[in-house]
Amino acid sequence: MGYRLQGDEYVSIAPNERGWLWSEVLGVWLGVSDAPFLGWRYRWLRFYREDGSLVLTGEEAERLLREQAEQRAEQERLQREQERQRAEAERQRAEAERQRAEQERLLREQAERRLAELEAELKRLRGER
């Protein structure tokens, strides 16, 4: 139950559909929560914003900020790993291209040597020098 001073007397505050009481002085809803708080599971009086969202305590806000920082760090680590993998894939692609070009060069040289041999054999067979 809650009361507010009206003139010289206290009048009861009507709860909303959730059973919460609106504090005009604080500008928040006061409601009971069964959610664990500080590691304990009891019924706690908690503050809620006008939109119904929970007002975090200092410890909860610090924990949330710490968790968000850890998540950002993990995302950055994953992005760095993805970039490393992209760079490695690019390096492998470039190496494969280099090997392909080398293979083509060797085949071309082999074909040119064979062509020269065949031309020489043809000249010999024709009696040319």
N, C-alpha and C. Protein backbone atom coordinates (compact mmCIF):
# COMPACT_ATOMS: atom_id res chain seq x y z
N MET A 1 0.85 -1.17 0.00
CA MET A 1 0.00 0.00 0.00
C MET A 1 0.89 1.23 0.00
N GLY A 2 0.35 2.29 -0.57
CA GLY A 2 1.09 3.53 -0.60
C GLY A 2 0.15 4.70 -0.35
N TYR A 3 0.74 5.78 0.17
CA TYR A 3 -0.05 6.97 0.48
C TYR A 3 0.68 8.19 -0.05
N ARG A 4 -0.11 9.22 -0.33
CA ARG A 4 0.47 10.50 -0.74
C ARG A 4 -0.20 11.57 0.11
N LEU A 5 0.59 12.58 0.43
CA LEU A 5 0.09 13.70 1.23
C LEU A 5 -0.73 14.60 0.32
N GLN A 6 -1.97 14.81 0.72
CA GLN A 6 -2.86 15.68 -0.03
C GLN A 6 -3.44 16.68 0.97
N GLY A 7 -2.93 17.90 0.88
CA GLY A 7 -3.31 18.89 1.89
C GLY A 7 -2.69 18.52 3.21
N ASP A 8 -3.55 18.33 4.21
CA ASP A 8 -3.09 17.97 5.55
C ASP A 8 -3.24 16.50 5.88
N GLU A 9 -3.67 15.72 4.93
CA GLU A 9 -3.88 14.30 5.24
C GLU A 9 -3.32 13.41 4.14
N TYR A 10 -3.10 12.17 4.50
CA TYR A 10 -2.60 11.18 3.56
C TYR A 10 -3.77 10.43 2.94
N VAL A 11 -3.69 10.26 1.62
CA VAL A 11 -4.72 9.48 0.91
C VAL A 11 -4.00 8.31 0.22
N SER A 12 -4.73 7.21 0.10
CA SER A 12 -4.10 6.02 -0.48
C SER A 12 -3.91 6.22 -1.99
N ILE A 13 -2.86 5.58 -2.49
CA ILE A 13 -2.56 5.62 -3.92
C ILE A 13 -3.16 4.37 -4.54
N ALA A 14 -3.94 4.54 -5.59
CA ALA A 14 -4.57 3.40 -6.26
C ALA A 14 -3.52 2.69 -7.13
N PRO A 15 -3.40 1.38 -6.98
CA PRO A 15 -2.44 0.63 -7.79
C PRO A 15 -2.94 0.48 -9.23
N ASN A 16 -1.99 0.30 -10.15
CA ASN A 16 -2.37 0.05 -11.54
C ASN A 16 -2.70 -1.44 -11.70
N GLU A 17 -2.88 -1.89 -12.95
CA GLU A 17 -3.27 -3.29 -13.20
C GLU A 17 -2.18 -4.27 -12.77
N ARG A 18 -0.94 -3.81 -12.64
CA ARG A 18 0.14 -4.67 -12.18
C ARG A 18 0.29 -4.64 -10.65
N GLY A 19 -0.45 -3.79 -10.03
CA GLY A 19 -0.32 -3.64 -8.58
C GLY A 19 0.73 -2.62 -8.19
N TRP A 20 1.26 -1.88 -9.15
CA TRP A 20 2.28 -0.88 -8.89
C TRP A 20 1.64 0.43 -8.46
N LEU A 21 2.41 1.20 -7.71
CA LEU A 21 1.94 2.50 -7.24
C LEU A 21 2.78 3.60 -7.90
N TRP A 22 2.11 4.64 -8.39
CA TRP A 22 2.81 5.75 -9.03
C TRP A 22 3.20 6.78 -7.99
N SER A 23 4.50 7.12 -7.94
CA SER A 23 4.98 8.15 -7.03
C SER A 23 5.16 9.43 -7.84
N GLU A 24 4.31 10.40 -7.59
CA GLU A 24 4.45 11.68 -8.29
C GLU A 24 5.73 12.39 -7.87
N VAL A 25 6.13 12.22 -6.63
CA VAL A 25 7.34 12.87 -6.12
C VAL A 25 8.58 12.31 -6.82
N LEU A 26 8.67 10.99 -6.92
CA LEU A 26 9.83 10.35 -7.54
C LEU A 26 9.72 10.26 -9.06
N GLY A 27 8.50 10.27 -9.57
CA GLY A 27 8.29 10.13 -11.01
C GLY A 27 8.54 8.71 -11.48
N VAL A 28 8.27 7.74 -10.63
CA VAL A 28 8.46 6.33 -10.97
C VAL A 28 7.32 5.51 -10.38
N TRP A 29 7.19 4.31 -10.94
CA TRP A 29 6.28 3.34 -10.35
C TRP A 29 7.05 2.59 -9.26
N LEU A 30 6.39 2.25 -8.20
CA LEU A 30 6.95 1.38 -7.17
C LEU A 30 6.22 0.06 -7.28
N GLY A 31 6.97 -1.02 -7.48
CA GLY A 31 6.35 -2.32 -7.64
C GLY A 31 7.20 -3.40 -7.02
N VAL A 32 6.57 -4.52 -6.76
CA VAL A 32 7.26 -5.66 -6.16
C VAL A 32 7.74 -6.57 -7.28
N SER A 33 8.99 -7.01 -7.18
CA SER A 33 9.58 -7.90 -8.17
C SER A 33 10.02 -9.18 -7.49
N ASP A 34 9.79 -10.30 -8.17
CA ASP A 34 10.26 -11.60 -7.68
C ASP A 34 11.60 -11.97 -8.30
N ALA A 35 12.10 -11.15 -9.19
CA ALA A 35 13.37 -11.45 -9.86
C ALA A 35 14.52 -11.41 -8.86
N PRO A 36 15.52 -12.25 -9.06
CA PRO A 36 16.68 -12.24 -8.15
C PRO A 36 17.34 -10.86 -8.14
N PHE A 37 17.78 -10.46 -6.98
CA PHE A 37 18.45 -9.17 -6.80
C PHE A 37 19.61 -9.38 -5.86
N LEU A 38 20.81 -9.00 -6.31
CA LEU A 38 22.04 -9.18 -5.53
C LEU A 38 22.24 -10.64 -5.13
N GLY A 39 21.80 -11.54 -6.02
CA GLY A 39 21.98 -12.96 -5.76
C GLY A 39 20.92 -13.58 -4.86
N TRP A 40 19.98 -12.81 -4.41
CA TRP A 40 18.93 -13.31 -3.51
C TRP A 40 17.61 -13.36 -4.26
N ARG A 41 16.80 -14.34 -3.96
CA ARG A 41 15.48 -14.43 -4.57
C ARG A 41 14.44 -14.20 -3.46
N TYR A 42 14.02 -12.95 -3.40
CA TYR A 42 12.97 -12.53 -2.48
C TYR A 42 12.03 -11.62 -3.25
N ARG A 43 11.05 -11.13 -2.60
CA ARG A 43 10.19 -10.10 -3.20
C ARG A 43 10.80 -8.76 -2.82
N TRP A 44 11.17 -7.99 -3.84
CA TRP A 44 11.85 -6.74 -3.64
C TRP A 44 10.99 -5.58 -4.14
N LEU A 45 11.07 -4.47 -3.43
CA LEU A 45 10.44 -3.24 -3.91
C LEU A 45 11.40 -2.63 -4.92
N ARG A 46 10.92 -2.43 -6.13
CA ARG A 46 11.76 -1.91 -7.20
C ARG A 46 11.08 -0.69 -7.83
N PHE A 47 11.91 0.14 -8.48
CA PHE A 47 11.41 1.30 -9.21
C PHE A 47 11.29 0.94 -10.69
N TYR A 48 10.23 1.45 -11.31
CA TYR A 48 10.00 1.23 -12.74
C TYR A 48 9.70 2.58 -13.38
N ARG A 49 10.23 2.77 -14.58
CA ARG A 49 9.97 4.01 -15.31
C ARG A 49 8.51 4.07 -15.75
N GLU A 50 8.14 5.21 -16.23
CA GLU A 50 6.75 5.42 -16.68
C GLU A 50 6.36 4.40 -17.75
N ASP A 51 7.33 4.00 -18.61
CA ASP A 51 7.04 3.02 -19.67
C ASP A 51 7.04 1.59 -19.14
N GLY A 52 7.29 1.39 -17.86
CA GLY A 52 7.28 0.06 -17.26
C GLY A 52 8.64 -0.62 -17.20
N SER A 53 9.67 0.02 -17.75
CA SER A 53 11.00 -0.59 -17.72
C SER A 53 11.62 -0.41 -16.33
N LEU A 54 12.39 -1.39 -15.94
CA LEU A 54 13.01 -1.42 -14.62
C LEU A 54 14.11 -0.36 -14.51
N VAL A 55 14.13 0.35 -13.39
CA VAL A 55 15.24 1.27 -13.10
C VAL A 55 16.32 0.42 -12.43
N LEU A 56 17.47 0.35 -13.07
CA LEU A 56 18.55 -0.47 -12.55
C LEU A 56 19.22 0.17 -11.34
N THR A 57 19.69 -0.69 -10.45
CA THR A 57 20.50 -0.18 -9.35
C THR A 57 21.89 0.10 -9.89
N GLY A 58 22.72 0.75 -9.11
CA GLY A 58 24.09 1.03 -9.53
C GLY A 58 24.85 -0.24 -9.87
N GLU A 59 24.70 -1.27 -9.04
CA GLU A 59 25.39 -2.54 -9.28
C GLU A 59 24.89 -3.21 -10.56
N GLU A 60 23.58 -3.17 -10.76
CA GLU A 60 23.01 -3.77 -11.98
C GLU A 60 23.50 -3.02 -13.22
N ALA A 61 23.53 -1.70 -13.13
CA ALA A 61 23.99 -0.89 -14.27
C ALA A 61 25.46 -1.18 -14.55
N GLU A 62 26.28 -1.28 -13.51
CA GLU A 62 27.70 -1.59 -13.71
C GLU A 62 27.88 -2.96 -14.33
N ARG A 63 27.11 -3.95 -13.86
CA ARG A 63 27.19 -5.30 -14.41
C ARG A 63 26.77 -5.29 -15.88
N LEU A 64 25.69 -4.57 -16.19
CA LEU A 64 25.22 -4.48 -17.57
C LEU A 64 26.27 -3.82 -18.46
N LEU A 65 26.88 -2.74 -17.98
CA LEU A 65 27.92 -2.06 -18.76
C LEU A 65 29.13 -2.97 -18.96
N ARG A 66 29.48 -3.72 -17.92
CA ARG A 66 30.61 -4.66 -18.01
C ARG A 66 30.29 -5.75 -19.04
N GLU A 67 29.07 -6.29 -18.99
CA GLU A 67 28.67 -7.32 -19.95
C GLU A 67 28.67 -6.77 -21.37
N GLN A 68 28.18 -5.54 -21.54
CA GLN A 68 28.18 -4.94 -22.87
C GLN A 68 29.60 -4.72 -23.37
N ALA A 69 30.50 -4.30 -22.47
CA ALA A 69 31.90 -4.10 -22.86
C ALA A 69 32.52 -5.44 -23.26
N GLU A 70 32.20 -6.50 -22.52
CA GLU A 70 32.72 -7.83 -22.84
C GLU A 70 32.18 -8.30 -24.19
N GLN A 71 30.89 -8.03 -24.46
CA GLN A 71 30.30 -8.41 -25.74
C GLN A 71 30.96 -7.64 -26.89
N ARG A 72 31.20 -6.33 -26.67
CA ARG A 72 31.88 -5.54 -27.71
C ARG A 72 33.28 -6.08 -27.97
N ALA A 73 33.99 -6.41 -26.89
CA ALA A 73 35.34 -6.95 -27.04
C ALA A 73 35.30 -8.27 -27.81
N GLU A 74 34.33 -9.11 -27.51
CA GLU A 74 34.20 -10.39 -28.22
C GLU A 74 33.86 -10.15 -29.69
N GLN A 75 32.97 -9.20 -29.97
CA GLN A 75 32.64 -8.88 -31.37
C GLN A 75 33.87 -8.37 -32.11
N GLU A 76 34.65 -7.53 -31.46
CA GLU A 76 35.87 -7.02 -32.08
C GLU A 76 36.86 -8.15 -32.33
N ARG A 77 36.97 -9.08 -31.37
CA ARG A 77 37.85 -10.23 -31.55
C ARG A 77 37.40 -11.07 -32.74
N LEU A 78 36.08 -11.29 -32.83
CA LEU A 78 35.54 -12.06 -33.95
C LEU A 78 35.77 -11.35 -35.28
N GLN A 79 35.63 -10.03 -35.29
CA GLN A 79 35.88 -9.27 -36.52
C GLN A 79 37.35 -9.37 -36.92
N ARG A 80 38.25 -9.28 -35.93
CA ARG A 80 39.68 -9.42 -36.24
C ARG A 80 39.97 -10.81 -36.80
N GLU A 81 39.35 -11.83 -36.22
CA GLU A 81 39.55 -13.20 -36.69
C GLU A 81 39.01 -13.36 -38.11
N GLN A 82 37.85 -12.78 -38.38
CA GLN A 82 37.30 -12.84 -39.74
C GLN A 82 38.23 -12.14 -40.73
N GLU A 83 38.77 -11.00 -40.33
CA GLU A 83 39.70 -10.27 -41.19
C GLU A 83 40.97 -11.08 -41.42
N ARG A 84 41.46 -11.74 -40.38
CA ARG A 84 42.63 -12.59 -40.51
C ARG A 84 42.34 -13.72 -41.49
N GLN A 85 41.15 -14.33 -41.36
CA GLN A 85 40.79 -15.42 -42.26
C GLN A 85 40.64 -14.92 -43.70
N ARG A 86 40.06 -13.73 -43.88
CA ARG A 86 39.95 -13.16 -45.22
C ARG A 86 41.34 -12.92 -45.81
N ALA A 87 42.25 -12.38 -45.01
CA ALA A 87 43.61 -12.12 -45.48
C ALA A 87 44.31 -13.43 -45.83
N GLU A 88 44.12 -14.46 -45.02
CA GLU A 88 44.73 -15.76 -45.30
C GLU A 88 44.15 -16.34 -46.59
N ALA A 89 42.83 -16.24 -46.77
CA ALA A 89 42.21 -16.74 -48.00
C ALA A 89 42.75 -15.98 -49.21
N GLU A 90 42.94 -14.68 -49.08
CA GLU A 90 43.50 -13.88 -50.17
C GLU A 90 44.94 -14.29 -50.45
N ARG A 91 45.72 -14.53 -49.39
CA ARG A 91 47.10 -14.97 -49.57
C ARG A 91 47.13 -16.32 -50.29
N GLN A 92 46.25 -17.23 -49.90
CA GLN A 92 46.20 -18.54 -50.54
C GLN A 92 45.76 -18.41 -52.01
N ARG A 93 44.81 -17.54 -52.28
CA ARG A 93 44.36 -17.31 -53.65
C ARG A 93 45.51 -16.77 -54.49
N ALA A 94 46.26 -15.81 -53.95
CA ALA A 94 47.39 -15.24 -54.67
C ALA A 94 48.47 -16.29 -54.91
N GLU A 95 48.72 -17.15 -53.92
CA GLU A 95 49.71 -18.21 -54.07
C GLU A 95 49.26 -19.20 -55.15
N ALA A 96 47.98 -19.56 -55.14
CA ALA A 96 47.46 -20.48 -56.16
C ALA A 96 47.59 -19.85 -57.55
N GLU A 97 47.33 -18.56 -57.66
CA GLU A 97 47.46 -17.86 -58.94
C GLU A 97 48.93 -17.84 -59.38
N ARG A 98 49.84 -17.61 -58.45
CA ARG A 98 51.27 -17.62 -58.77
C ARG A 98 51.69 -19.00 -59.27
N GLN A 99 51.23 -20.04 -58.59
CA GLN A 99 51.57 -21.40 -58.99
C GLN A 99 50.98 -21.73 -60.36
N ARG A 100 49.75 -21.29 -60.61
CA ARG A 100 49.13 -21.52 -61.91
C ARG A 100 49.94 -20.83 -63.02
N ALA A 101 50.34 -19.57 -62.76
CA ALA A 101 51.13 -18.84 -63.75
C ALA A 101 52.47 -19.53 -63.98
N GLU A 102 53.10 -20.01 -62.92
CA GLU A 102 54.37 -20.73 -63.06
C GLU A 102 54.19 -22.01 -63.86
N GLN A 103 53.12 -22.74 -63.60
CA GLN A 103 52.82 -23.97 -64.34
C GLN A 103 52.61 -23.65 -65.82
N GLU A 104 51.87 -22.59 -66.12
CA GLU A 104 51.66 -22.18 -67.51
C GLU A 104 52.99 -21.83 -68.18
N ARG A 105 53.86 -21.12 -67.46
CA ARG A 105 55.17 -20.74 -68.01
C ARG A 105 56.00 -21.99 -68.34
N LEU A 106 56.01 -22.95 -67.41
CA LEU A 106 56.76 -24.18 -67.63
C LEU A 106 56.21 -24.95 -68.83
N LEU A 107 54.88 -25.03 -68.92
CA LEU A 107 54.27 -25.74 -70.04
C LEU A 107 54.57 -25.03 -71.37
N ARG A 108 54.54 -23.71 -71.35
CA ARG A 108 54.85 -22.94 -72.56
C ARG A 108 56.31 -23.18 -72.98
N GLU A 109 57.23 -23.14 -72.01
CA GLU A 109 58.65 -23.40 -72.33
C GLU A 109 58.83 -24.82 -72.87
N GLN A 110 58.15 -25.77 -72.27
CA GLN A 110 58.23 -27.16 -72.72
C GLN A 110 57.70 -27.28 -74.15
N ALA A 111 56.57 -26.61 -74.41
CA ALA A 111 55.98 -26.66 -75.75
C ALA A 111 56.90 -25.99 -76.77
N GLU A 112 57.53 -24.88 -76.38
CA GLU A 112 58.45 -24.19 -77.30
C GLU A 112 59.68 -25.06 -77.60
N ARG A 113 60.20 -25.75 -76.57
CA ARG A 113 61.34 -26.66 -76.79
C ARG A 113 60.94 -27.80 -77.72
N ARG A 114 59.78 -28.36 -77.49
CA ARG A 114 59.31 -29.48 -78.32
C ARG A 114 59.10 -29.01 -79.75
N LEU A 115 58.54 -27.78 -79.90
CA LEU A 115 58.34 -27.22 -81.24
C LEU A 115 59.68 -27.04 -81.95
N ALA A 116 60.67 -26.52 -81.22
CA ALA A 116 62.01 -26.33 -81.80
C ALA A 116 62.60 -27.68 -82.20
N GLU A 117 62.42 -28.72 -81.37
CA GLU A 117 62.93 -30.05 -81.69
C GLU A 117 62.26 -30.60 -82.95
N LEU A 118 60.94 -30.42 -83.03
CA LEU A 118 60.20 -30.92 -84.19
C LEU A 118 60.59 -30.17 -85.46
N GLU A 119 60.79 -28.85 -85.35
CA GLU A 119 61.23 -28.07 -86.51
C GLU A 119 62.62 -28.52 -86.97
N ALA A 120 63.50 -28.77 -86.01
CA ALA A 120 64.85 -29.24 -86.35
C ALA A 120 64.77 -30.61 -87.02
N GLU A 121 63.92 -31.50 -86.49
CA GLU A 121 63.75 -32.83 -87.08
C GLU A 121 63.19 -32.72 -88.49
N LEU A 122 62.24 -31.81 -88.70
CA LEU A 122 61.64 -31.60 -90.00
C LEU A 122 62.70 -31.10 -90.99
N LYS A 123 63.52 -30.17 -90.58
CA LYS A 123 64.62 -29.66 -91.44
C LYS A 123 65.58 -30.77 -91.80
N ARG A 124 65.91 -31.60 -90.81
CA ARG A 124 66.81 -32.70 -91.04
C ARG A 124 66.23 -33.66 -92.07
N LEU A 125 64.94 -33.98 -91.90
CA LEU A 125 64.29 -34.91 -92.82
C LEU A 125 64.19 -34.31 -94.23
N ARG A 126 64.08 -33.01 -94.37
CA ARG A 126 64.02 -32.34 -95.67
C ARG A 126 65.43 -32.14 -96.25
N GLY A 127 66.38 -32.39 -95.44
CA GLY A 127 67.76 -32.21 -95.88
C GLY A 127 68.21 -30.77 -95.75
N GLU A 128 67.54 -30.00 -94.99
CA GLU A 128 67.93 -28.60 -94.79
C GLU A 128 68.91 -28.51 -93.64
N ARG A 129 69.64 -27.43 -93.64
CA ARG A 129 70.58 -27.23 -92.55
C ARG A 129 70.15 -26.18 -91.66
